[in-house]
Amino acid sequence: MLNSLELRMSEWTEILDHINEISSNPGMMMGSEPFYRGHSDSTWELMPSLGRYAIRSDSENKLYYQFLSYGGHLIPAGSSTWDVLFLMQHHGLPTRLLDWTESFAVALYFAIRDAQRSAAVWVLNPSLLNFTMLNRFEVQRLESAFPEGYEKYFIDDRSSFYGKFPATSIAVSGKANSSRMRSQRAVFTLHSDIAKPLNTTFRNLGKVAWKVTIPMRVFEEARTFLKHAGINEFSIFPDLDGLGRHLRNPEVSDIHQLNVKTQGRSAKSQRKKIRR
């Protein structure tokens, strides 16, 4: 049985064994599939992007209304205020959502994609988190669970619901209305307290989450695992930009960048040939 919040293993097979033990043990995962999140630095905390910025108290309010004002014609008709929140997250604005995935391989990809030191994959028990916070086991769909909406709870300070969201953090699902969300099997945690990292909450909640450290010595084995699993830049970002980045990988298209000196000499040589 695993009791530690942080799991440190030195071998790739050990990491896979522990991930399997966490995700398949009925005593650890009740009801829902586990959530995974990859960090390219194992020291990073589980903080939503809105909590990582030095912002003023009214910054979230301004971002929300500017997004509606400038981009309202691009937002699908009939979108709820929760839908707007997910769109803001999807398009790179700081929000009180934290991205997770239902795929260990996707989380692993993000963990080691740009890592320059030991990485980590967090594993979350969403059912236990929600049961502890809301007395509900299910991963929540915000539109039905909280029909008052994002604006009433977090934006409009005249609302009777403002500042009264009933949980510090909960596990939620969003509408899979983009190919990226579907390919990444995206799920989220929603945070009412953006100043408190989720991992500090776990210490008081029992077996809600585990951090699995991925040391650099296993990165090559992890990349081989991802290759066999069909996880790459294009599968994660299924658009032309993702395809372009995937094809630039030397292992895929045998494209190798020349160093600057070689490029310079080649250009100079070509200019001489032209003069002749």
Protein backbone atom coordinates (compact mmCIF):
# COMPACT_ATOMS: atom_id res chain seq x y z
CA MET A 1 0.00 0.00 0.00
CA LEU A 2 1.26 3.48 -0.86
CA ASN A 3 1.11 6.02 1.94
CA SER A 4 3.48 8.78 0.91
CA LEU A 5 2.35 11.94 -0.85
CA GLU A 6 5.59 11.93 -2.86
CA LEU A 7 6.93 8.79 -4.51
CA ARG A 8 10.55 8.69 -5.65
CA MET A 9 11.78 5.81 -7.83
CA SER A 10 15.01 5.47 -9.76
CA GLU A 11 13.93 2.94 -12.41
CA TRP A 12 11.34 3.30 -15.17
CA THR A 13 9.75 -0.07 -14.44
CA GLU A 14 9.29 0.94 -10.81
CA ILE A 15 7.50 4.10 -11.89
CA LEU A 16 5.11 2.14 -14.13
CA ASP A 17 4.46 -0.38 -11.35
CA HIS A 18 3.58 2.37 -8.87
CA ILE A 19 1.34 4.18 -11.36
CA ASN A 20 -0.46 0.90 -12.00
CA GLU A 21 -0.84 0.25 -8.27
CA ILE A 22 -2.31 3.69 -7.65
CA SER A 23 -4.70 3.71 -10.60
CA SER A 24 -5.95 0.13 -10.34
CA ASN A 25 -6.34 -0.22 -6.57
CA PRO A 26 -10.05 0.11 -5.64
CA GLY A 27 -9.09 1.43 -2.23
CA MET A 28 -7.24 4.33 -3.82
CA MET A 29 -9.47 5.18 -6.77
CA MET A 30 -13.18 5.16 -5.99
CA GLY A 31 -15.65 5.65 -8.80
CA SER A 32 -13.91 7.90 -11.30
CA GLU A 33 -10.79 7.39 -13.36
CA PRO A 34 -7.69 9.04 -11.89
CA PHE A 35 -6.61 12.49 -13.05
CA TYR A 36 -2.98 13.02 -14.08
CA ARG A 37 -0.93 16.21 -14.45
CA GLY A 38 2.65 16.48 -15.73
CA HIS A 39 5.17 19.03 -14.45
CA SER A 40 8.52 19.55 -16.18
CA ASP A 41 9.95 20.61 -12.81
CA SER A 42 9.26 18.30 -9.88
CA THR A 43 9.33 21.21 -7.41
CA TRP A 44 6.36 23.02 -8.98
CA GLU A 45 3.18 23.20 -6.95
CA LEU A 46 -0.40 22.61 -8.06
CA MET A 47 -1.41 26.22 -8.52
CA PRO A 48 -3.94 27.51 -11.08
CA SER A 49 -2.49 30.07 -13.46
CA LEU A 50 -4.46 32.93 -11.91
CA GLY A 51 -2.63 32.26 -8.65
CA ARG A 52 0.81 32.32 -10.28
CA TYR A 53 0.55 35.98 -11.32
CA ALA A 54 0.95 39.09 -9.20
CA ILE A 55 -2.52 40.44 -9.97
CA ARG A 56 -4.87 42.96 -8.46
CA SER A 57 -8.10 41.89 -6.81
CA ASP A 58 -10.13 43.07 -9.81
CA SER A 59 -7.91 41.51 -12.52
CA GLU A 60 -10.07 38.40 -12.99
CA ASN A 61 -13.14 40.61 -13.37
CA LYS A 62 -11.44 42.78 -16.01
CA LEU A 63 -10.09 39.80 -17.97
CA TYR A 64 -13.53 38.21 -18.07
CA TYR A 65 -15.33 41.31 -19.35
CA GLN A 66 -12.56 42.18 -21.83
CA PHE A 67 -12.73 38.63 -23.20
CA LEU A 68 -16.50 39.01 -23.67
CA SER A 69 -16.21 42.51 -25.07
CA TYR A 70 -13.48 41.87 -27.65
CA GLY A 71 -14.27 38.24 -28.44
CA GLY A 72 -18.01 38.00 -27.95
CA HIS A 73 -18.63 37.50 -31.68
CA LEU A 74 -16.27 34.49 -31.59
CA ILE A 75 -17.94 32.78 -28.64
CA PRO A 76 -20.59 30.20 -29.65
CA ALA A 77 -24.17 31.32 -29.14
CA GLY A 78 -25.79 29.94 -26.01
CA SER A 79 -22.50 29.55 -24.12
CA SER A 80 -22.84 29.62 -20.35
CA THR A 81 -20.55 31.65 -18.13
CA TRP A 82 -18.82 28.37 -17.22
CA ASP A 83 -18.27 27.78 -20.95
CA VAL A 84 -16.63 31.20 -21.17
CA LEU A 85 -14.29 30.25 -18.33
CA PHE A 86 -13.21 27.09 -20.17
CA LEU A 87 -12.68 29.10 -23.37
CA MET A 88 -10.48 31.56 -21.49
CA GLN A 89 -8.41 28.67 -20.15
CA HIS A 90 -8.19 27.03 -23.57
CA HIS A 91 -6.90 30.20 -25.19
CA GLY A 92 -4.17 30.91 -22.68
CA LEU A 93 -5.64 33.42 -20.23
CA PRO A 94 -4.89 32.99 -16.52
CA THR A 95 -7.91 31.42 -14.80
CA ARG A 96 -8.82 29.55 -11.64
CA LEU A 97 -8.86 26.25 -13.57
CA LEU A 98 -5.97 23.79 -13.45
CA ASP A 99 -5.51 21.41 -16.40
CA TRP A 100 -5.43 17.64 -15.81
CA THR A 101 -5.87 14.63 -18.09
CA GLU A 102 -7.36 11.17 -17.78
CA SER A 103 -4.32 9.75 -19.61
CA PHE A 104 -1.06 8.97 -17.82
CA ALA A 105 0.76 9.02 -21.17
CA VAL A 106 -0.45 12.54 -21.96
CA ALA A 107 0.65 13.78 -18.53
CA LEU A 108 4.02 12.08 -18.97
CA TYR A 109 4.45 13.76 -22.35
CA PHE A 110 3.97 17.20 -20.84
CA ALA A 111 6.21 16.30 -17.90
CA ILE A 112 9.30 15.43 -19.96
CA ARG A 113 8.61 17.44 -23.13
CA ASP A 114 10.78 20.43 -22.13
CA ALA A 115 12.22 19.19 -18.83
CA GLN A 116 15.77 20.18 -17.91
CA ARG A 117 15.70 18.47 -14.51
CA SER A 118 13.65 15.88 -12.65
CA ALA A 119 10.00 16.06 -13.68
CA ALA A 120 6.86 14.79 -11.98
CA VAL A 121 3.44 13.34 -12.69
CA TRP A 122 0.74 14.05 -10.14
CA VAL A 123 -2.03 11.48 -9.73
CA LEU A 124 -5.33 12.71 -8.28
CA ASN A 125 -8.27 10.78 -6.88
CA PRO A 126 -11.08 13.09 -8.12
CA SER A 127 -13.86 11.15 -6.40
CA LEU A 128 -12.25 11.40 -2.98
CA LEU A 129 -11.42 15.07 -3.49
CA ASN A 130 -15.05 15.86 -4.32
CA PHE A 131 -16.42 13.69 -1.55
CA THR A 132 -14.21 15.48 0.97
CA MET A 133 -15.08 18.93 -0.38
CA LEU A 134 -18.72 18.51 -1.42
CA ASN A 135 -19.88 15.16 -0.07
CA ARG A 136 -20.29 14.06 -3.71
CA PHE A 137 -18.23 11.32 -5.37
CA GLU A 138 -18.89 12.29 -8.99
CA VAL A 139 -16.67 14.50 -11.11
CA GLN A 140 -18.80 17.61 -11.39
CA ARG A 141 -20.29 19.17 -14.52
CA LEU A 142 -20.41 22.81 -13.53
CA GLU A 143 -23.48 23.80 -15.57
CA SER A 144 -25.69 21.29 -13.78
CA ALA A 145 -24.02 21.24 -10.35
CA PHE A 146 -23.73 25.03 -10.05
CA PRO A 147 -26.28 26.58 -12.43
CA GLU A 148 -25.76 30.05 -10.92
CA GLY A 149 -22.64 30.22 -13.07
CA TYR A 150 -19.06 31.43 -12.97
CA GLU A 151 -20.02 35.11 -13.14
CA LYS A 152 -22.30 34.93 -10.08
CA TYR A 153 -19.75 33.11 -7.90
CA PHE A 154 -16.52 34.84 -8.90
CA ILE A 155 -17.06 37.99 -11.01
CA ASP A 156 -20.17 39.96 -10.02
CA ASP A 157 -19.64 41.27 -6.48
CA ARG A 158 -23.30 42.38 -6.38
CA SER A 159 -24.48 38.77 -6.65
CA SER A 160 -25.72 37.01 -3.52
CA PHE A 161 -23.54 34.04 -4.52
CA TYR A 162 -20.33 36.07 -4.90
CA GLY A 163 -17.48 34.65 -2.81
CA LYS A 164 -19.62 31.77 -1.58
CA PHE A 165 -18.50 28.87 -3.77
CA PRO A 166 -18.94 25.85 -1.47
CA ALA A 167 -15.50 24.24 -1.86
CA THR A 168 -11.84 25.24 -1.89
CA SER A 169 -11.19 23.04 -4.92
CA ILE A 170 -13.13 20.38 -6.83
CA ALA A 171 -12.61 18.03 -9.77
CA VAL A 172 -14.66 19.01 -12.82
CA SER A 173 -15.15 18.08 -16.46
CA GLY A 174 -15.56 20.51 -19.32
CA LYS A 175 -17.29 20.26 -22.68
CA ALA A 176 -14.98 18.47 -25.11
CA ASN A 177 -15.78 21.03 -27.79
CA SER A 178 -12.29 21.20 -29.28
CA SER A 179 -10.09 18.57 -30.88
CA ARG A 180 -7.31 19.46 -28.45
CA MET A 181 -9.47 18.79 -25.39
CA ARG A 182 -10.59 15.46 -26.84
CA SER A 183 -7.10 14.31 -27.82
CA GLN A 184 -5.64 15.32 -24.47
CA ARG A 185 -8.61 13.81 -22.56
CA ALA A 186 -8.78 17.09 -20.68
CA VAL A 187 -10.29 17.41 -17.21
CA PHE A 188 -9.79 20.11 -14.59
CA THR A 189 -9.79 21.19 -11.00
CA LEU A 190 -11.60 24.42 -10.15
CA HIS A 191 -10.12 26.52 -7.34
CA SER A 192 -12.03 29.05 -5.27
CA ASP A 193 -8.88 29.79 -3.27
CA ILE A 194 -6.31 30.62 -5.95
CA ALA A 195 -3.60 31.55 -3.43
CA LYS A 196 -3.40 28.07 -1.87
CA PRO A 197 -1.63 25.31 -3.86
CA LEU A 198 -3.74 22.19 -4.12
CA ASN A 199 -0.91 19.98 -2.91
CA THR A 200 -0.89 21.78 0.47
CA THR A 201 -4.56 20.88 0.83
CA PHE A 202 -3.80 17.19 0.18
CA ARG A 203 -1.75 16.91 3.33
CA ASN A 204 -4.96 17.34 5.30
CA LEU A 205 -7.16 15.17 3.10
CA GLY A 206 -5.53 11.73 3.27
CA LYS A 207 -5.00 9.69 0.10
CA VAL A 208 -6.25 12.18 -2.44
CA ALA A 209 -3.11 12.58 -4.55
CA TRP A 210 0.41 11.36 -5.14
CA LYS A 211 3.40 13.01 -6.79
CA VAL A 212 5.52 10.57 -8.81
CA THR A 213 8.96 12.01 -9.49
CA ILE A 214 10.44 11.23 -12.93
CA PRO A 215 14.26 11.44 -12.72
CA MET A 216 16.22 12.47 -15.80
CA ARG A 217 17.93 9.08 -15.97
CA VAL A 218 14.66 7.45 -17.14
CA PHE A 219 13.71 10.08 -19.74
CA GLU A 220 14.88 8.01 -22.71
CA GLU A 221 12.90 4.98 -21.57
CA ALA A 222 9.90 7.23 -20.99
CA ARG A 223 10.20 8.66 -24.52
CA THR A 224 10.33 5.14 -25.93
CA PHE A 225 7.19 4.32 -23.96
CA LEU A 226 5.45 7.39 -25.43
CA LYS A 227 6.59 6.52 -28.95
CA HIS A 228 5.11 3.04 -28.66
CA ALA A 229 1.92 4.54 -27.20
CA GLY A 230 1.55 6.85 -30.21
CA ILE A 231 1.89 10.01 -28.13
CA ASN A 232 3.61 12.87 -29.93
CA GLU A 233 3.22 16.57 -30.70
CA PHE A 234 0.61 15.94 -33.39
CA SER A 235 -1.48 13.53 -31.31
CA ILE A 236 -1.48 16.04 -28.44
CA PHE A 237 -2.10 19.11 -30.64
CA PRO A 238 -4.12 17.75 -33.62
CA ASP A 239 -3.88 20.78 -35.88
CA LEU A 240 -1.46 21.99 -38.57
CA ASP A 241 0.76 23.73 -36.02
CA GLY A 242 1.06 20.49 -34.06
CA LEU A 243 1.77 18.55 -37.25
CA GLY A 244 4.47 21.04 -38.22
CA ARG A 245 6.21 20.71 -34.85
CA HIS A 246 5.91 16.91 -35.05
CA LEU A 247 7.47 16.77 -38.52
CA ARG A 248 10.37 18.96 -37.42
CA ASN A 249 11.41 16.23 -35.00
CA PRO A 250 14.60 14.70 -36.50
CA GLU A 251 13.43 11.22 -35.48
CA VAL A 252 10.32 11.65 -37.65
CA SER A 253 11.51 13.40 -40.81
CA ASP A 254 15.31 13.13 -40.64
CA ILE A 255 15.63 16.93 -40.52
CA HIS A 256 18.78 18.09 -38.75
CA GLN A 257 19.65 21.72 -38.13
CA LEU A 258 23.04 22.84 -39.41
CA ASN A 259 25.21 24.87 -37.07
CA VAL A 260 25.56 28.60 -37.73
CA LYS A 261 29.15 28.43 -38.99
CA THR A 262 28.33 25.75 -41.54
CA GLN A 263 25.32 27.72 -42.70
CA GLY A 264 27.48 30.84 -42.99
CA ARG A 265 30.21 29.10 -45.00
CA SER A 266 27.63 27.51 -47.27
CA ALA A 267 26.01 30.86 -47.94
CA LYS A 268 29.39 32.51 -48.59
CA SER A 269 30.38 29.68 -50.91
CA GLN A 270 27.14 30.04 -52.81
CA ARG A 271 27.66 33.78 -53.19
CA LYS A 272 31.15 33.14 -54.66
CA LYS A 273 29.70 30.69 -57.16
CA ILE A 274 27.15 33.27 -58.23
CA ARG A 275 29.85 35.91 -58.77
CA ARG A 276 31.75 33.58 -61.06
